[in-house]
Amino acid sequence: MFFLVISFSGCALQINESGEKEREFTQKTKEGIKKNAKQYTEKEFQSANVPLNEFVQISGEIIQADREKKIEKGDRFLLKSGSSRYQVFNEQDIPIHVGDSVTVYGEYYGFIKAILVEGK
């Protein structure tokens, strides 16, 4: 019995350490994406002057989504920025909602793969 208790407490320590490393990696990844994301004008997006696979930053309001209200990882939504609408695929774990004003950081493919979405 005593041996099992020691083994489990050792496992808990490893899980805590890996969880801490994961949070640190996630924070560094977010900082890197924000630092490298470029802002383009509405005209540049609409005239196809944004290079594919470019990290971009765009702000606006979520006006429509696959789900009624809550948008989860893997869902797609429409972001209205200026007079244009952009199709965005949500790749983050933190839920967002239709009607939220957000800044999207992600990779551009003709649509945006949102790696990070922050409320304004």
PDB file of N, CA and C in Angstrom:
ATOM      1  N   MET A   1       0.805  -1.191   0.000  1.00  0.00           N
ATOM      2  CA  MET A   1       0.000   0.000   0.000  1.00  0.00           C
ATOM      3  C   MET A   1       0.853   1.262   0.000  1.00  0.00           C
ATOM      4  N   PHE A   2       1.837   1.291   0.854  1.00  0.00           N
ATOM      5  CA  PHE A   2       2.674   2.475   0.955  1.00  0.00           C
ATOM      6  C   PHE A   2       3.370   2.784  -0.374  1.00  0.00           C
ATOM      7  N   PHE A   3       3.814   1.770  -1.085  1.00  0.00           N
ATOM      8  CA  PHE A   3       4.496   1.941  -2.354  1.00  0.00           C
ATOM      9  C   PHE A   3       3.575   2.590  -3.398  1.00  0.00           C
ATOM     10  N   LEU A   4       2.319   2.180  -3.436  1.00  0.00           N
ATOM     11  CA  LEU A   4       1.374   2.751  -4.388  1.00  0.00           C
ATOM     12  C   LEU A   4       1.138   4.236  -4.143  1.00  0.00           C
ATOM     13  N   VAL A   5       1.058   4.638  -2.923  1.00  0.00           N
ATOM     14  CA  VAL A   5       0.846   6.040  -2.587  1.00  0.00           C
ATOM     15  C   VAL A   5       2.021   6.878  -3.074  1.00  0.00           C
ATOM     16  N   ILE A   6       3.209   6.402  -2.873  1.00  0.00           N
ATOM     17  CA  ILE A   6       4.401   7.116  -3.339  1.00  0.00           C
ATOM     18  C   ILE A   6       4.400   7.208  -4.859  1.00  0.00           C
ATOM     19  N   SER A   7       4.050   6.139  -5.539  1.00  0.00           N
ATOM     20  CA  SER A   7       4.008   6.147  -7.006  1.00  0.00           C
ATOM     21  C   SER A   7       3.008   7.162  -7.520  1.00  0.00           C
ATOM     22  N   PHE A   8       1.824   7.217  -6.929  1.00  0.00           N
ATOM     23  CA  PHE A   8       0.810   8.154  -7.389  1.00  0.00           C
ATOM     24  C   PHE A   8       1.219   9.597  -7.141  1.00  0.00           C
ATOM     25  N   SER A   9       1.846   9.846  -5.998  1.00  0.00           N
ATOM     26  CA  SER A   9       2.259  11.220  -5.738  1.00  0.00           C
ATOM     27  C   SER A   9       3.361  11.627  -6.711  1.00  0.00           C
ATOM     28  N   GLY A  10       4.204  10.700  -7.121  1.00  0.00           N
ATOM     29  CA  GLY A  10       5.224  10.987  -8.130  1.00  0.00           C
ATOM     30  C   GLY A  10       4.585  11.308  -9.471  1.00  0.00           C
ATOM     31  N   CYS A  11       3.518  10.612  -9.826  1.00  0.00           N
ATOM     32  CA  CYS A  11       2.800  10.879 -11.076  1.00  0.00           C
ATOM     33  C   CYS A  11       2.182  12.271 -11.046  1.00  0.00           C
ATOM     34  N   ALA A  12       1.633  12.646  -9.914  1.00  0.00           N
ATOM     35  CA  ALA A  12       1.021  13.962  -9.799  1.00  0.00           C
ATOM     36  C   ALA A  12       2.056  15.054 -10.010  1.00  0.00           C
ATOM     37  N   LEU A  13       3.243  14.852  -9.505  1.00  0.00           N
ATOM     38  CA  LEU A  13       4.310  15.822  -9.690  1.00  0.00           C
ATOM     39  C   LEU A  13       4.659  15.952 -11.167  1.00  0.00           C
ATOM     40  N   GLN A  14       4.758  14.843 -11.882  1.00  0.00           N
ATOM     41  CA  GLN A  14       5.064  14.888 -13.309  1.00  0.00           C
ATOM     42  C   GLN A  14       3.959  15.591 -14.086  1.00  0.00           C
ATOM     43  N   ILE A  15       2.717  15.322 -13.759  1.00  0.00           N
ATOM     44  CA  ILE A  15       1.602  15.973 -14.440  1.00  0.00           C
ATOM     45  C   ILE A  15       1.656  17.473 -14.206  1.00  0.00           C
ATOM     46  N   ASN A  16       1.917  17.908 -12.980  1.00  0.00           N
ATOM     47  CA  ASN A  16       2.002  19.337 -12.694  1.00  0.00           C
ATOM     48  C   ASN A  16       3.132  19.995 -13.477  1.00  0.00           C
ATOM     49  N   GLU A  17       4.285  19.348 -13.556  1.00  0.00           N
ATOM     50  CA  GLU A  17       5.410  19.904 -14.300  1.00  0.00           C
ATOM     51  C   GLU A  17       5.085  20.011 -15.782  1.00  0.00           C
ATOM     52  N   SER A  18       4.476  18.979 -16.380  1.00  0.00           N
ATOM     53  CA  SER A  18       4.151  19.031 -17.798  1.00  0.00           C
ATOM     54  C   SER A  18       3.049  20.048 -18.059  1.00  0.00           C
ATOM     55  N   GLY A  19       2.107  20.203 -17.126  1.00  0.00           N
ATOM     56  CA  GLY A  19       1.065  21.217 -17.262  1.00  0.00           C
ATOM     57  C   GLY A  19       1.646  22.613 -17.249  1.00  0.00           C
ATOM     58  N   GLU A  20       2.621  22.834 -16.394  1.00  0.00           N
ATOM     59  CA  GLU A  20       3.302  24.128 -16.323  1.00  0.00           C
ATOM     60  C   GLU A  20       4.066  24.408 -17.619  1.00  0.00           C
ATOM     61  N   LYS A  21       4.755  23.390 -18.133  1.00  0.00           N
ATOM     62  CA  LYS A  21       5.489  23.553 -19.392  1.00  0.00           C
ATOM     63  C   LYS A  21       4.530  23.848 -20.545  1.00  0.00           C
ATOM     64  N   GLU A  22       3.369  23.207 -20.548  1.00  0.00           N
ATOM     65  CA  GLU A  22       2.374  23.434 -21.598  1.00  0.00           C
ATOM     66  C   GLU A  22       1.858  24.871 -21.541  1.00  0.00           C
ATOM     67  N   ARG A  23       1.570  25.376 -20.343  1.00  0.00           N
ATOM     68  CA  ARG A  23       1.110  26.762 -20.199  1.00  0.00           C
ATOM     69  C   ARG A  23       2.187  27.743 -20.680  1.00  0.00           C
ATOM     70  N   GLU A  24       3.437  27.463 -20.337  1.00  0.00           N
ATOM     71  CA  GLU A  24       4.544  28.324 -20.761  1.00  0.00           C
ATOM     72  C   GLU A  24       4.670  28.308 -22.279  1.00  0.00           C
ATOM     73  N   PHE A  25       4.571  27.116 -22.887  1.00  0.00           N
ATOM     74  CA  PHE A  25       4.638  26.994 -24.348  1.00  0.00           C
ATOM     75  C   PHE A  25       3.485  27.764 -24.996  1.00  0.00           C
ATOM     76  N   THR A  26       2.287  27.608 -24.449  1.00  0.00           N
ATOM     77  CA  THR A  26       1.112  28.284 -24.991  1.00  0.00           C
ATOM     78  C   THR A  26       1.276  29.791 -24.915  1.00  0.00           C
ATOM     79  N   GLN A  27       1.762  30.305 -23.803  1.00  0.00           N
ATOM     80  CA  GLN A  27       1.959  31.748 -23.655  1.00  0.00           C
ATOM     81  C   GLN A  27       2.988  32.268 -24.647  1.00  0.00           C
ATOM     82  N   LYS A  28       4.089  31.548 -24.813  1.00  0.00           N
ATOM     83  CA  LYS A  28       5.120  31.965 -25.770  1.00  0.00           C
ATOM     84  C   LYS A  28       4.586  31.920 -27.197  1.00  0.00           C
ATOM     85  N   THR A  29       3.773  30.924 -27.511  1.00  0.00           N
ATOM     86  CA  THR A  29       3.182  30.805 -28.835  1.00  0.00           C
ATOM     87  C   THR A  29       2.265  31.991 -29.111  1.00  0.00           C
ATOM     88  N   LYS A  30       1.421  32.342 -28.155  1.00  0.00           N
ATOM     89  CA  LYS A  30       0.518  33.475 -28.308  1.00  0.00           C
ATOM     90  C   LYS A  30       1.295  34.772 -28.517  1.00  0.00           C
ATOM     91  N   GLU A  31       2.337  34.968 -27.723  1.00  0.00           N
ATOM     92  CA  GLU A  31       3.152  36.174 -27.847  1.00  0.00           C
ATOM     93  C   GLU A  31       3.812  36.237 -29.221  1.00  0.00           C
ATOM     94  N   GLY A  32       4.298  35.102 -29.704  1.00  0.00           N
ATOM     95  CA  GLY A  32       4.938  35.050 -31.019  1.00  0.00           C
ATOM     96  C   GLY A  32       3.969  35.356 -32.143  1.00  0.00           C
ATOM     97  N   ILE A  33       2.777  34.820 -32.059  1.00  0.00           N
ATOM     98  CA  ILE A  33       1.767  35.069 -33.088  1.00  0.00           C
ATOM     99  C   ILE A  33       1.396  36.545 -33.109  1.00  0.00           C
ATOM    100  N   LYS A  34       1.168  37.114 -31.943  1.00  0.00           N
ATOM    101  CA  LYS A  34       0.809  38.528 -31.873  1.00  0.00           C
ATOM    102  C   LYS A  34       1.931  39.418 -32.407  1.00  0.00           C
ATOM    103  N   LYS A  35       3.154  39.052 -32.109  1.00  0.00           N
ATOM    104  CA  LYS A  35       4.306  39.845 -32.548  1.00  0.00           C
ATOM    105  C   LYS A  35       4.474  39.779 -34.072  1.00  0.00           C
ATOM    106  N   ASN A  36       4.237  38.608 -34.668  1.00  0.00           N
ATOM    107  CA  ASN A  36       4.477  38.413 -36.097  1.00  0.00           C
ATOM    108  C   ASN A  36       3.283  38.695 -36.993  1.00  0.00           C
ATOM    109  N   ALA A  37       2.098  38.853 -36.419  1.00  0.00           N
ATOM    110  CA  ALA A  37       0.901  39.094 -37.227  1.00  0.00           C
ATOM    111  C   ALA A  37       0.940  40.508 -37.808  1.00  0.00           C
ATOM    112  N   LYS A  38       0.631  40.600 -39.086  1.00  0.00           N
ATOM    113  CA  LYS A  38       0.626  41.894 -39.775  1.00  0.00           C
ATOM    114  C   LYS A  38      -0.799  42.361 -39.978  1.00  0.00           C
ATOM    115  N   GLN A  39      -0.979  43.666 -39.937  1.00  0.00           N
ATOM    116  CA  GLN A  39      -2.288  44.256 -40.196  1.00  0.00           C
ATOM    117  C   GLN A  39      -2.342  44.697 -41.650  1.00  0.00           C
ATOM    118  N   TYR A  40      -3.441  44.369 -42.301  1.00  0.00           N
ATOM    119  CA  TYR A  40      -3.672  44.785 -43.681  1.00  0.00           C
ATOM    120  C   TYR A  40      -4.951  45.597 -43.732  1.00  0.00           C
ATOM    121  N   THR A  41      -5.033  46.470 -44.729  1.00  0.00           N
ATOM    122  CA  THR A  41      -6.245  47.273 -44.896  1.00  0.00           C
ATOM    123  C   THR A  41      -7.341  46.417 -45.521  1.00  0.00           C
ATOM    124  N   GLU A  42      -8.541  46.906 -45.404  1.00  0.00           N
ATOM    125  CA  GLU A  42      -9.682  46.230 -46.020  1.00  0.00           C
ATOM    126  C   GLU A  42      -9.466  46.104 -47.533  1.00  0.00           C
ATOM    127  N   LYS A  43      -8.928  47.142 -48.133  1.00  0.00           N
ATOM    128  CA  LYS A  43      -8.671  47.134 -49.580  1.00  0.00           C
ATOM    129  C   LYS A  43      -7.648  46.060 -49.949  1.00  0.00           C
ATOM    130  N   GLU A  44      -6.599  45.903 -49.143  1.00  0.00           N
ATOM    131  CA  GLU A  44      -5.591  44.878 -49.413  1.00  0.00           C
ATOM    132  C   GLU A  44      -6.180  43.470 -49.324  1.00  0.00           C
ATOM    133  N   PHE A  45      -7.049  43.245 -48.333  1.00  0.00           N
ATOM    134  CA  PHE A  45      -7.710  41.941 -48.231  1.00  0.00           C
ATOM    135  C   PHE A  45      -8.600  41.700 -49.447  1.00  0.00           C
ATOM    136  N   GLN A  46      -9.378  42.694 -49.832  1.00  0.00           N
ATOM    137  CA  GLN A  46     -10.358  42.517 -50.905  1.00  0.00           C
ATOM    138  C   GLN A  46      -9.722  42.433 -52.291  1.00  0.00           C
ATOM    139  N   SER A  47      -8.533  42.995 -52.465  1.00  0.00           N
ATOM    140  CA  SER A  47      -7.873  42.946 -53.772  1.00  0.00           C
ATOM    141  C   SER A  47      -6.817  41.850 -53.848  1.00  0.00           C
ATOM    142  N   ALA A  48      -6.855  40.923 -52.917  1.00  0.00           N
ATOM    143  CA  ALA A  48      -5.951  39.758 -52.884  1.00  0.00           C
ATOM    144  C   ALA A  48      -4.481  40.164 -52.788  1.00  0.00           C
ATOM    145  N   ASN A  49      -4.193  41.220 -52.055  1.00  0.00           N
ATOM    146  CA  ASN A  49      -2.810  41.651 -51.849  1.00  0.00           C
ATOM    147  C   ASN A  49      -2.213  41.151 -50.537  1.00  0.00           C
ATOM    148  N   VAL A  50      -2.887  40.197 -49.918  1.00  0.00           N
ATOM    149  CA  VAL A  50      -2.366  39.584 -48.696  1.00  0.00           C
ATOM    150  C   VAL A  50      -1.766  38.236 -49.090  1.00  0.00           C
ATOM    151  N   PRO A  51      -0.482  38.027 -48.831  1.00  0.00           N
ATOM    152  CA  PRO A  51       0.147  36.750 -49.217  1.00  0.00           C
ATOM    153  C   PRO A  51      -0.460  35.566 -48.458  1.00  0.00           C
ATOM    154  N   LEU A  52      -0.615  34.454 -49.155  1.00  0.00           N
ATOM    155  CA  LEU A  52      -1.092  33.236 -48.513  1.00  0.00           C
ATOM    156  C   LEU A  52      -0.089  32.781 -47.465  1.00  0.00           C
ATOM    157  N   ASN A  53      -0.561  32.183 -46.423  1.00  0.00           N
ATOM    158  CA  ASN A  53       0.224  31.686 -45.294  1.00  0.00           C
ATOM    159  C   ASN A  53       0.839  32.794 -44.452  1.00  0.00           C
ATOM    160  N   GLU A  54       0.387  34.018 -44.628  1.00  0.00           N
ATOM    161  CA  GLU A  54       0.853  35.157 -43.837  1.00  0.00           C
ATOM    162  C   GLU A  54       0.108  35.171 -42.504  1.00  0.00           C
ATOM    163  N   PHE A  55       0.799  35.508 -41.415  1.00  0.00           N
ATOM    164  CA  PHE A  55       0.126  35.696 -40.137  1.00  0.00           C
ATOM    165  C   PHE A  55      -0.472  37.097 -40.127  1.00  0.00           C
ATOM    166  N   VAL A  56      -1.778  37.168 -39.886  1.00  0.00           N
ATOM    167  CA  VAL A  56      -2.489  38.438 -39.968  1.00  0.00           C
ATOM    168  C   VAL A  56      -3.207  38.744 -38.655  1.00  0.00           C
ATOM    169  N   GLN A  57      -3.538  40.007 -38.507  1.00  0.00           N
ATOM    170  CA  GLN A  57      -4.334  40.491 -37.379  1.00  0.00           C
ATOM    171  C   GLN A  57      -5.478  41.295 -37.958  1.00  0.00           C
ATOM    172  N   ILE A  58      -6.696  41.017 -37.502  1.00  0.00           N
ATOM    173  CA  ILE A  58      -7.854  41.760 -37.974  1.00  0.00           C
ATOM    174  C   ILE A  58      -8.862  41.868 -36.835  1.00  0.00           C
ATOM    175  N   SER A  59      -9.502  43.021 -36.727  1.00  0.00           N
ATOM    176  CA  SER A  59     -10.481  43.248 -35.662  1.00  0.00           C
ATOM    177  C   SER A  59     -11.857  43.483 -36.255  1.00  0.00           C
ATOM    178  N   GLY A  60     -12.869  43.078 -35.509  1.00  0.00           N
ATOM    179  CA  GLY A  60     -14.238  43.288 -35.960  1.00  0.00           C
ATOM    180  C   GLY A  60     -15.222  42.622 -35.028  1.00  0.00           C
ATOM    181  N   GLU A  61     -16.440  42.431 -35.528  1.00  0.00           N
ATOM    182  CA  GLU A  61     -17.518  41.818 -34.754  1.00  0.00           C
ATOM    183  C   GLU A  61     -17.915  40.493 -35.379  1.00  0.00           C
ATOM    184  N   ILE A  62     -18.102  39.487 -34.541  1.00  0.00           N
ATOM    185  CA  ILE A  62     -18.574  38.187 -35.011  1.00  0.00           C
ATOM    186  C   ILE A  62     -20.069  38.327 -35.292  1.00  0.00           C
ATOM    187  N   ILE A  63     -20.465  38.148 -36.552  1.00  0.00           N
ATOM    188  CA  ILE A  63     -21.869  38.377 -36.916  1.00  0.00           C
ATOM    189  C   ILE A  63     -22.651  37.093 -37.185  1.00  0.00           C
ATOM    190  N   GLN A  64     -21.949  35.990 -37.444  1.00  0.00           N
ATOM    191  CA  GLN A  64     -22.636  34.741 -37.739  1.00  0.00           C
ATOM    192  C   GLN A  64     -21.675  33.591 -37.481  1.00  0.00           C
ATOM    193  N   ALA A  65     -22.239  32.419 -37.147  1.00  0.00           N
ATOM    194  CA  ALA A  65     -21.395  31.257 -36.868  1.00  0.00           C
ATOM    195  C   ALA A  65     -22.152  29.981 -37.181  1.00  0.00           C
ATOM    196  N   ASP A  66     -21.421  28.870 -37.202  1.00  0.00           N
ATOM    197  CA  ASP A  66     -22.037  27.562 -37.406  1.00  0.00           C
ATOM    198  C   ASP A  66     -23.051  27.258 -36.315  1.00  0.00           C
ATOM    199  N   ARG A  67     -22.734  27.662 -35.101  1.00  0.00           N
ATOM    200  CA  ARG A  67     -23.635  27.445 -33.959  1.00  0.00           C
ATOM    201  C   ARG A  67     -24.403  28.734 -33.695  1.00  0.00           C
ATOM    202  N   GLU A  68     -25.489  28.602 -32.963  1.00  0.00           N
ATOM    203  CA  GLU A  68     -26.341  29.753 -32.661  1.00  0.00           C
ATOM    204  C   GLU A  68     -25.604  30.862 -31.917  1.00  0.00           C
ATOM    205  N   LYS A  69     -24.916  30.518 -30.836  1.00  0.00           N
ATOM    206  CA  LYS A  69     -24.290  31.541 -29.996  1.00  0.00           C
ATOM    207  C   LYS A  69     -22.836  31.242 -29.687  1.00  0.00           C
ATOM    208  N   LYS A  70     -22.593  30.118 -29.000  1.00  0.00           N
ATOM    209  CA  LYS A  70     -21.249  29.782 -28.524  1.00  0.00           C
ATOM    210  C   LYS A  70     -20.431  29.162 -29.660  1.00  0.00           C
ATOM    211  N   ILE A  71     -19.238  29.704 -29.891  1.00  0.00           N
ATOM    212  CA  ILE A  71     -18.338  29.218 -30.939  1.00  0.00           C
ATOM    213  C   ILE A  71     -17.189  28.487 -30.263  1.00  0.00           C
ATOM    214  N   GLU A  72     -16.994  27.237 -30.635  1.00  0.00           N
ATOM    215  CA  GLU A  72     -15.952  26.417 -30.032  1.00  0.00           C
ATOM    216  C   GLU A  72     -14.870  26.098 -31.058  1.00  0.00           C
ATOM    217  N   LYS A  73     -13.822  25.422 -30.589  1.00  0.00           N
ATOM    218  CA  LYS A  73     -12.719  25.021 -31.469  1.00  0.00           C
ATOM    219  C   LYS A  73     -13.266  24.183 -32.625  1.00  0.00           C
ATOM    220  N   GLY A  74     -12.839  24.512 -33.843  1.00  0.00           N
ATOM    221  CA  GLY A  74     -13.280  23.794 -35.030  1.00  0.00           C
ATOM    222  C   GLY A  74     -14.467  24.437 -35.731  1.00  0.00           C
ATOM    223  N   ASP A  75     -15.156  25.367 -35.048  1.00  0.00           N
ATOM    224  CA  ASP A  75     -16.292  26.060 -35.657  1.00  0.00           C
ATOM    225  C   ASP A  75     -15.805  27.165 -36.580  1.00  0.00           C
ATOM    226  N   ARG A  76     -16.685  27.565 -37.470  1.00  0.00           N
ATOM    227  CA  ARG A  76     -16.352  28.672 -38.360  1.00  0.00           C
ATOM    228  C   ARG A  76     -17.305  29.811 -38.075  1.00  0.00           C
ATOM    229  N   PHE A  77     -16.824  31.039 -38.324  1.00  0.00           N
ATOM    230  CA  PHE A  77     -17.673  32.207 -38.105  1.00  0.00           C
ATOM    231  C   PHE A  77     -17.341  33.293 -39.108  1.00  0.00           C
ATOM    232  N   LEU A  78     -18.259  34.254 -39.241  1.00  0.00           N
ATOM    233  CA  LEU A  78     -18.049  35.422 -40.090  1.00  0.00           C
ATOM    234  C   LEU A  78     -17.695  36.605 -39.208  1.00  0.00           C
ATOM    235  N   LEU A  79     -16.619  37.272 -39.580  1.00  0.00           N
ATOM    236  CA  LEU A  79     -16.153  38.462 -38.877  1.00  0.00           C
ATOM    237  C   LEU A  79     -16.416  39.664 -39.775  1.00  0.00           C
ATOM    238  N   LYS A  80     -17.139  40.648 -39.262  1.00  0.00           N
ATOM    239  CA  LYS A  80     -17.366  41.877 -40.018  1.00  0.00           C
ATOM    240  C   LYS A  80     -16.341  42.899 -39.567  1.00  0.00           C
ATOM    241  N   SER A  81     -15.545  43.373 -40.518  1.00  0.00           N
ATOM    242  CA  SER A  81     -14.536  44.394 -40.255  1.00  0.00           C
ATOM    243  C   SER A  81     -14.687  45.451 -41.344  1.00  0.00           C
ATOM    244  N   GLY A  82     -14.999  46.662 -40.938  1.00  0.00           N
ATOM    245  CA  GLY A  82     -15.302  47.691 -41.928  1.00  0.00           C
ATOM    246  C   GLY A  82     -16.577  47.301 -42.655  1.00  0.00           C
ATOM    247  N   SER A  83     -16.554  47.343 -43.976  1.00  0.00           N
ATOM    248  CA  SER A  83     -17.734  46.948 -44.751  1.00  0.00           C
ATOM    249  C   SER A  83     -17.589  45.536 -45.313  1.00  0.00           C
ATOM    250  N   SER A  84     -16.538  44.837 -44.910  1.00  0.00           N
ATOM    251  CA  SER A  84     -16.275  43.498 -45.445  1.00  0.00           C
ATOM    252  C   SER A  84     -16.518  42.424 -44.401  1.00  0.00           C
ATOM    253  N   ARG A  85     -16.708  41.200 -44.913  1.00  0.00           N
ATOM    254  CA  ARG A  85     -16.892  40.028 -44.060  1.00  0.00           C
ATOM    255  C   ARG A  85     -15.802  39.017 -44.380  1.00  0.00           C
ATOM    256  N   TYR A  86     -15.298  38.383 -43.339  1.00  0.00           N
ATOM    257  CA  TYR A  86     -14.204  37.432 -43.476  1.00  0.00           C
ATOM    258  C   TYR A  86     -14.596  36.105 -42.846  1.00  0.00           C
ATOM    259  N   GLN A  87     -14.330  35.023 -43.561  1.00  0.00           N
ATOM    260  CA  GLN A  87     -14.601  33.697 -43.018  1.00  0.00           C
ATOM    261  C   GLN A  87     -13.416  33.282 -42.154  1.00  0.00           C
ATOM    262  N   VAL A  88     -13.724  32.863 -40.930  1.00  0.00           N
ATOM    263  CA  VAL A  88     -12.687  32.519 -39.964  1.00  0.00           C
ATOM    264  C   VAL A  88     -12.979  31.133 -39.400  1.00  0.00           C
ATOM    265  N   PHE A  89     -11.940  30.315 -39.315  1.00  0.00           N
ATOM    266  CA  PHE A  89     -12.033  29.011 -38.677  1.00  0.00           C
ATOM    267  C   PHE A  89     -11.358  29.115 -37.317  1.00  0.00           C
ATOM    268  N   ASN A  90     -12.122  28.830 -36.273  1.00  0.00           N
ATOM    269  CA  ASN A  90     -11.629  28.969 -34.906  1.00  0.00           C
ATOM    270  C   ASN A  90     -10.788  27.759 -34.515  1.00  0.00           C
ATOM    271  N   GLU A  91      -9.533  27.978 -34.171  1.00  0.00           N
ATOM    272  CA  GLU A  91      -8.628  26.905 -33.760  1.00  0.00           C
ATOM    273  C   GLU A  91      -8.178  27.041 -32.315  1.00  0.00           C
ATOM    274  N   GLN A  92      -8.835  27.892 -31.547  1.00  0.00           N
ATOM    275  CA  GLN A  92      -8.464  28.037 -30.139  1.00  0.00           C
ATOM    276  C   GLN A  92      -9.485  27.325 -29.269  1.00  0.00           C
ATOM    277  N   ASP A  93      -9.071  26.983 -28.051  1.00  0.00           N
ATOM    278  CA  ASP A  93      -9.932  26.248 -27.133  1.00  0.00           C
ATOM    279  C   ASP A  93     -10.899  27.134 -26.350  1.00  0.00           C
ATOM    280  N   ILE A  94     -10.619  28.406 -26.247  1.00  0.00           N
ATOM    281  CA  ILE A  94     -11.457  29.309 -25.450  1.00  0.00           C
ATOM    282  C   ILE A  94     -12.699  29.674 -26.266  1.00  0.00           C
ATOM    283  N   PRO A  95     -13.894  29.402 -25.730  1.00  0.00           N
ATOM    284  CA  PRO A  95     -15.113  29.714 -26.491  1.00  0.00           C
ATOM    285  C   PRO A  95     -15.324  31.214 -26.654  1.00  0.00           C
ATOM    286  N   ILE A  96     -15.906  31.576 -27.791  1.00  0.00           N
ATOM    287  CA  ILE A  96     -16.290  32.953 -28.098  1.00  0.00           C
ATOM    288  C   ILE A  96     -17.755  32.922 -28.523  1.00  0.00           C
ATOM    289  N   HIS A  97     -18.346  34.088 -28.760  1.00  0.00           N
ATOM    290  CA  HIS A  97     -19.782  34.132 -29.014  1.00  0.00           C
ATOM    291  C   HIS A  97     -20.123  35.077 -30.171  1.00  0.00           C
ATOM    292  N   VAL A  98     -21.227  34.772 -30.853  1.00  0.00           N
ATOM    293  CA  VAL A  98     -21.767  35.679 -31.856  1.00  0.00           C
ATOM    294  C   VAL A  98     -22.078  36.995 -31.153  1.00  0.00           C
ATOM    295  N   GLY A  99     -21.688  38.101 -31.786  1.00  0.00           N
ATOM    296  CA  GLY A  99     -21.889  39.428 -31.202  1.00  0.00           C
ATOM    297  C   GLY A  99     -20.661  39.979 -30.516  1.00  0.00           C
ATOM    298  N   ASP A 100     -19.659  39.129 -30.239  1.00  0.00           N
ATOM    299  CA  ASP A 100     -18.427  39.592 -29.601  1.00  0.00           C
ATOM    300  C   ASP A 100     -17.621  40.475 -30.554  1.00  0.00           C
ATOM    301  N   SER A 101     -17.040  41.524 -30.017  1.00  0.00           N
ATOM    302  CA  SER A 101     -16.051  42.320 -30.751  1.00  0.00           C
ATOM    303  C   SER A 101     -14.692  41.743 -30.397  1.00  0.00           C
ATOM    304  N   VAL A 102     -13.935  41.355 -31.417  1.00  0.00           N
ATOM    305  CA  VAL A 102     -12.695  40.612 -31.186  1.00  0.00           C
ATOM    306  C   VAL A 102     -11.568  41.086 -32.092  1.00  0.00           C
ATOM    307  N   THR A 103     -10.367  40.695 -31.710  1.00  0.00           N
ATOM    308  CA  THR A 103      -9.199  40.786 -32.575  1.00  0.00           C
ATOM    309  C   THR A 103      -8.751  39.363 -32.839  1.00  0.00           C
ATOM    310  N   VAL A 104      -8.615  39.037 -34.119  1.00  0.00           N
ATOM    311  CA  VAL A 104      -8.246  37.694 -34.547  1.00  0.00           C
ATOM    312  C   VAL A 104      -6.792  37.714 -35.014  1.00  0.00           C
ATOM    313  N   TYR A 105      -6.030  36.748 -34.530  1.00  0.00           N
ATOM    314  CA  TYR A 105      -4.654  36.542 -34.978  1.00  0.00           C
ATOM    315  C   TYR A 105      -4.620  35.155 -35.604  1.00  0.00           C
ATOM    316  N   GLY A 106      -4.176  35.067 -36.841  1.00  0.00           N
ATOM    317  CA  GLY A 106      -4.165  33.755 -37.465  1.00  0.00           C
ATOM    318  C   GLY A 106      -3.459  33.751 -38.794  1.00  0.00           C
ATOM    319  N   GLU A 107      -3.555  32.628 -39.467  1.00  0.00           N
ATOM    320  CA  GLU A 107      -2.879  32.435 -40.749  1.00  0.00           C
ATOM    321  C   GLU A 107      -3.885  32.611 -41.881  1.00  0.00           C
ATOM    322  N   TYR A 108      -3.478  33.324 -42.920  1.00  0.00           N
ATOM    323  CA  TYR A 108      -4.365  33.663 -44.030  1.00  0.00           C
ATOM    324  C   TYR A 108      -4.231  32.656 -45.164  1.00  0.00           C
ATOM    325  N   TYR A 109      -5.381  32.116 -45.593  1.00  0.00           N
ATOM    326  CA  TYR A 109      -5.446  31.148 -46.694  1.00  0.00           C
ATOM    327  C   TYR A 109      -6.519  31.549 -47.712  1.00  0.00           C
ATOM    328  N   GLY A 110      -6.914  32.801 -47.745  1.00  0.00           N
ATOM    329  CA  GLY A 110      -8.109  33.219 -48.472  1.00  0.00           C
ATOM    330  C   GLY A 110      -9.251  33.279 -47.465  1.00  0.00           C
ATOM    331  N   PHE A 111      -9.127  32.570 -46.410  1.00  0.00           N
ATOM    332  CA  PHE A 111      -9.910  32.652 -45.186  1.00  0.00           C
ATOM    333  C   PHE A 111      -8.879  32.760 -44.076  1.00  0.00           C
ATOM    334  N   ILE A 112      -9.318  32.909 -42.852  1.00  0.00           N
ATOM    335  CA  ILE A 112      -8.361  33.044 -41.741  1.00  0.00           C
ATOM    336  C   ILE A 112      -8.514  31.862 -40.788  1.00  0.00           C
ATOM    337  N   LYS A 113      -7.412  31.214 -40.514  1.00  0.00           N
ATOM    338  CA  LYS A 113      -7.360  30.164 -39.505  1.00  0.00           C
ATOM    339  C   LYS A 113      -6.952  30.833 -38.202  1.00  0.00           C
ATOM    340  N   ALA A 114      -7.935  31.047 -37.318  1.00  0.00           N
ATOM    341  CA  ALA A 114      -7.736  31.824 -36.101  1.00  0.00           C
ATOM    342  C   ALA A 114      -7.019  30.988 -35.035  1.00  0.00           C
ATOM    343  N   ILE A 115      -5.789  31.357 -34.759  1.00  0.00           N
ATOM    344  CA  ILE A 115      -5.015  30.674 -33.729  1.00  0.00           C
ATOM    345  C   ILE A 115      -5.288  31.312 -32.363  1.00  0.00           C
ATOM    346  N   LEU A 116      -5.539  32.593 -32.373  1.00  0.00           N
ATOM    347  CA  LEU A 116      -5.813  33.340 -31.145  1.00  0.00           C
ATOM    348  C   LEU A 116      -6.908  34.360 -31.420  1.00  0.00           C
ATOM    349  N   VAL A 117      -7.928  34.373 -30.569  1.00  0.00           N
ATOM    350  CA  VAL A 117      -9.015  35.357 -30.669  1.00  0.00           C
ATOM    351  C   VAL A 117      -9.154  36.021 -29.308  1.00  0.00           C
ATOM    352  N   GLU A 118      -9.009  37.341 -29.297  1.00  0.00           N
ATOM    353  CA  GLU A 118      -9.105  38.098 -28.035  1.00  0.00           C
ATOM    354  C   GLU A 118     -10.263  39.079 -28.107  1.00  0.00           C
ATOM    355  N   GLY A 119     -10.998  39.173 -26.996  1.00  0.00           N
ATOM    356  CA  GLY A 119     -12.069  40.169 -26.908  1.00  0.00           C
ATOM    357  C   GLY A 119     -11.509  41.562 -26.842  1.00  0.00           C
ATOM    358  N   LYS A 120     -12.272  42.508 -27.359  1.00  0.00           N
ATOM    359  CA  LYS A 120     -11.839  43.912 -27.326  1.00  0.00           C
ATOM    360  C   LYS A 120     -12.401  44.620 -26.138  1.00  0.00           C
TER     361      LYS A 120
END
